[in-house]
Amino acid sequence: MEIIKKLREDPDLSDLLCDACDIEVLPEFETPQDEFGRLSYNLSGKTFAKAASGSEYILLEDGSIGFWGSEGECGRIADNLKEFFEFAINCPYWQDYLEEAEYQDRESLETFAKEVYAELVENEADLSGFDLPKAQKKLAACLGIEKKADVVDLLMRFYHSTTREPRFIATYTEENGSARSGTGSLFDR
């Protein structure tokens, strides 16, 4: 909670997190999206941050972090707040890392992670002149998080979080009463 408090008290740092990672920490906790009463979750929680798309990061009842995506994806992303921010800062735009086949061995994952990161850095520099590595270093230093050169262990921890039981699952109920639920794994998209 200290990291959230620090981000809420420092608008410049919060803006940098939003620019570097597309995570906007909310001024206070909110009730998670419910799509006008049609969306429910198997675990309760409080939304503490959003992405520009409207997707939400939810502090779940067990202290883990859930993600509800504006496209309907839903799952756990980290086992606690510190791990969430460590993952988000070291693997910005983490959805680009959602290729489950790459998680089968460390060597493939390391190569894949480096390719994704290089492309992110290049795109940010080309589109807006934004220095992503510099922003990550500043965020890590200000929030007491280690900026890692090798993110394989972070990605494996993320993989474990999103696939462990109980999964964080959203269920959408149609007007006719029929319901559909996701799998609770962010890799199933």
Protein backbone atom coordinates (compact mmCIF):
# COMPACT_ATOMS: atom_id res chain seq x y z
CA MET A 1 0.00 0.00 0.00
CA GLU A 2 3.00 2.28 0.51
CA ILE A 3 3.66 2.34 -3.24
CA ILE A 4 0.07 3.32 -3.99
CA LYS A 5 0.23 6.01 -1.32
CA LYS A 6 3.48 7.38 -2.74
CA LEU A 7 2.02 7.48 -6.27
CA ARG A 8 -1.16 9.18 -5.06
CA GLU A 9 0.89 11.85 -3.27
CA ASP A 10 3.29 12.52 -6.16
CA PRO A 11 1.43 13.48 -9.37
CA ASP A 12 4.66 13.71 -11.40
CA LEU A 13 5.67 10.18 -10.43
CA SER A 14 2.13 8.95 -11.10
CA ASP A 15 2.18 10.62 -14.53
CA LEU A 16 5.51 8.94 -15.30
CA LEU A 17 4.03 5.53 -14.41
CA CYS A 18 1.13 6.25 -16.73
CA ASP A 19 3.45 7.33 -19.56
CA ALA A 20 5.86 4.42 -19.16
CA CYS A 21 3.45 1.59 -18.27
CA ASP A 22 -0.10 2.75 -19.10
CA ILE A 23 -1.10 2.43 -15.45
CA GLU A 24 -3.00 5.29 -13.86
CA VAL A 25 -3.27 4.95 -10.09
CA LEU A 26 -6.66 6.20 -8.95
CA PRO A 27 -6.98 8.85 -6.21
CA GLU A 28 -9.01 6.34 -4.17
CA PHE A 29 -10.17 2.74 -4.43
CA GLU A 30 -13.24 2.10 -6.59
CA THR A 31 -15.71 -0.71 -7.07
CA PRO A 32 -14.60 -2.87 -10.02
CA GLN A 33 -16.40 -2.55 -13.34
CA ASP A 34 -19.70 -4.41 -13.31
CA GLU A 35 -21.12 -3.55 -16.77
CA PHE A 36 -24.39 -2.23 -15.30
CA GLY A 37 -24.80 -5.24 -13.02
CA ARG A 38 -24.05 -7.85 -15.69
CA LEU A 39 -20.45 -8.55 -14.73
CA SER A 40 -19.46 -10.41 -11.58
CA TYR A 41 -16.23 -11.88 -10.23
CA ASN A 42 -15.45 -14.99 -8.21
CA LEU A 43 -13.14 -12.99 -5.91
CA SER A 44 -14.01 -9.60 -4.46
CA GLY A 45 -11.66 -6.65 -4.57
CA LYS A 46 -11.13 -2.92 -5.09
CA THR A 47 -9.89 -1.22 -8.26
CA PHE A 48 -6.77 0.83 -7.56
CA ALA A 49 -5.58 1.62 -11.10
CA LYS A 50 -6.75 1.75 -14.71
CA ALA A 51 -5.25 1.65 -18.18
CA ALA A 52 -6.13 4.13 -20.93
CA SER A 53 -8.37 1.47 -22.50
CA GLY A 54 -10.53 1.36 -19.35
CA SER A 55 -9.03 -1.92 -18.17
CA GLU A 56 -8.72 -2.21 -14.39
CA TYR A 57 -6.17 -3.42 -11.85
CA ILE A 58 -7.94 -4.83 -8.81
CA LEU A 59 -6.54 -5.50 -5.33
CA LEU A 60 -8.24 -8.83 -4.57
CA GLU A 61 -9.46 -10.05 -1.19
CA ASP A 62 -6.44 -12.37 -0.82
CA GLY A 63 -3.96 -9.51 -1.44
CA SER A 64 -3.16 -10.60 -4.99
CA ILE A 65 -3.70 -8.36 -8.02
CA GLY A 66 -6.33 -9.09 -10.62
CA PHE A 67 -6.74 -7.61 -14.07
CA TRP A 68 -10.01 -7.04 -15.88
CA GLY A 69 -9.50 -6.03 -19.50
CA SER A 70 -11.82 -3.84 -21.51
CA GLU A 71 -11.93 -6.67 -24.09
CA GLY A 72 -13.26 -9.07 -21.45
CA GLU A 73 -10.02 -10.78 -20.43
CA CYS A 74 -9.67 -11.41 -16.73
CA GLY A 75 -7.07 -13.03 -14.50
CA ARG A 76 -4.57 -12.65 -11.73
CA ILE A 77 -1.43 -10.72 -12.63
CA ALA A 78 0.64 -10.77 -9.41
CA ASP A 79 0.54 -12.25 -5.93
CA ASN A 80 0.86 -8.88 -4.15
CA LEU A 81 1.23 -5.14 -4.80
CA LYS A 82 5.03 -5.05 -4.65
CA GLU A 83 5.29 -7.88 -7.19
CA PHE A 84 2.74 -6.11 -9.38
CA PHE A 85 4.70 -2.86 -9.53
CA GLU A 86 7.99 -4.72 -9.96
CA PHE A 87 6.48 -6.62 -12.90
CA ALA A 88 4.77 -3.57 -14.45
CA ILE A 89 7.86 -1.37 -14.29
CA ASN A 90 10.25 -4.05 -15.56
CA CYS A 91 7.83 -5.33 -18.23
CA PRO A 92 5.91 -2.24 -19.34
CA TYR A 93 2.96 -2.88 -21.64
CA TRP A 94 3.00 -6.41 -20.25
CA GLN A 95 0.24 -7.60 -22.61
CA ASP A 96 2.90 -7.79 -25.32
CA TYR A 97 4.48 -10.64 -23.33
CA LEU A 98 1.35 -12.84 -23.52
CA GLU A 99 2.63 -15.63 -25.78
CA GLU A 100 2.23 -18.77 -23.67
CA ALA A 101 4.34 -20.93 -26.02
CA GLU A 102 7.36 -18.77 -25.14
CA TYR A 103 7.08 -19.71 -21.45
CA GLN A 104 8.02 -23.37 -21.95
CA ASP A 105 11.76 -22.88 -21.36
CA ARG A 106 13.97 -20.12 -19.98
CA GLU A 107 16.07 -19.68 -23.11
CA SER A 108 13.07 -19.12 -25.39
CA LEU A 109 11.48 -16.79 -22.86
CA GLU A 110 14.67 -14.76 -22.47
CA THR A 111 15.02 -14.31 -26.25
CA PHE A 112 11.33 -13.45 -26.59
CA ALA A 113 11.45 -10.94 -23.69
CA LYS A 114 14.46 -9.15 -25.16
CA GLU A 115 12.75 -8.89 -28.55
CA VAL A 116 9.54 -7.52 -27.05
CA TYR A 117 11.40 -4.99 -24.92
CA ALA A 118 13.61 -3.79 -27.80
CA GLU A 119 10.51 -3.22 -29.91
CA LEU A 120 8.78 -1.31 -27.08
CA VAL A 121 11.79 0.94 -26.54
CA GLU A 122 12.07 1.62 -30.27
CA ASN A 123 8.34 2.32 -30.68
CA GLU A 124 8.26 4.72 -27.73
CA ALA A 125 11.30 6.59 -29.03
CA ASP A 126 9.94 6.74 -32.61
CA LEU A 127 6.40 7.76 -31.68
CA SER A 128 7.05 10.39 -29.04
CA GLY A 129 10.75 10.60 -28.30
CA PHE A 130 10.01 9.01 -24.92
CA ASP A 131 13.03 7.38 -23.21
CA LEU A 132 11.45 4.25 -21.73
CA PRO A 133 14.61 2.87 -20.05
CA LYS A 134 15.24 6.21 -18.33
CA ALA A 135 11.63 6.36 -17.12
CA GLN A 136 11.83 2.79 -15.80
CA LYS A 137 15.02 3.55 -13.88
CA LYS A 138 13.46 6.64 -12.30
CA LEU A 139 10.26 4.79 -11.36
CA ALA A 140 12.23 1.89 -9.88
CA ALA A 141 14.46 4.21 -7.84
CA CYS A 142 11.56 6.30 -6.52
CA LEU A 143 9.44 3.27 -5.63
CA GLY A 144 12.21 1.12 -4.15
CA ILE A 145 12.02 -1.50 -6.88
CA GLU A 146 14.95 -3.16 -8.59
CA LYS A 147 15.22 -2.47 -12.34
CA LYS A 148 16.30 -5.82 -13.73
CA ALA A 149 18.33 -6.46 -16.86
CA ASP A 150 16.93 -10.03 -17.07
CA VAL A 151 13.16 -10.26 -16.60
CA VAL A 152 12.76 -14.02 -17.08
CA ASP A 153 12.17 -14.69 -13.37
CA LEU A 154 9.58 -11.89 -13.24
CA LEU A 155 7.81 -13.30 -16.28
CA MET A 156 7.80 -16.80 -14.80
CA ARG A 157 6.35 -15.43 -11.56
CA PHE A 158 3.68 -13.65 -13.64
CA TYR A 159 2.94 -16.90 -15.50
CA HIS A 160 2.52 -18.73 -12.21
CA SER A 161 0.23 -16.00 -10.83
CA THR A 162 -2.06 -15.98 -13.84
CA THR A 163 -2.35 -19.78 -14.00
CA ARG A 164 -2.56 -20.72 -10.30
CA GLU A 165 -5.75 -21.69 -8.49
CA PRO A 166 -8.08 -20.22 -7.61
CA ARG A 167 -8.10 -18.24 -10.79
CA PHE A 168 -9.62 -14.77 -10.93
CA ILE A 169 -12.67 -15.20 -13.17
CA ALA A 170 -15.26 -12.78 -14.50
CA THR A 171 -18.75 -13.90 -15.50
CA TYR A 172 -20.92 -11.87 -17.84
CA THR A 173 -24.69 -12.43 -17.71
CA GLU A 174 -26.70 -11.61 -20.84
CA GLU A 175 -30.19 -10.04 -20.76
CA ASN A 176 -31.71 -13.48 -21.42
CA GLY A 177 -30.00 -14.84 -18.29
CA SER A 178 -27.36 -16.90 -20.05
CA ALA A 179 -23.89 -16.46 -18.61
CA ARG A 180 -20.38 -16.90 -19.90
CA SER A 181 -17.21 -17.03 -17.85
CA GLY A 182 -13.59 -16.69 -18.82
CA THR A 183 -10.87 -19.17 -17.89
CA GLY A 184 -9.10 -16.85 -15.44
CA SER A 185 -5.83 -17.07 -17.36
CA LEU A 186 -4.64 -13.93 -19.12
CA PHE A 187 -2.93 -16.19 -21.66
CA ASP A 188 -6.33 -17.38 -22.94
CA ARG A 189 -7.34 -14.57 -25.22
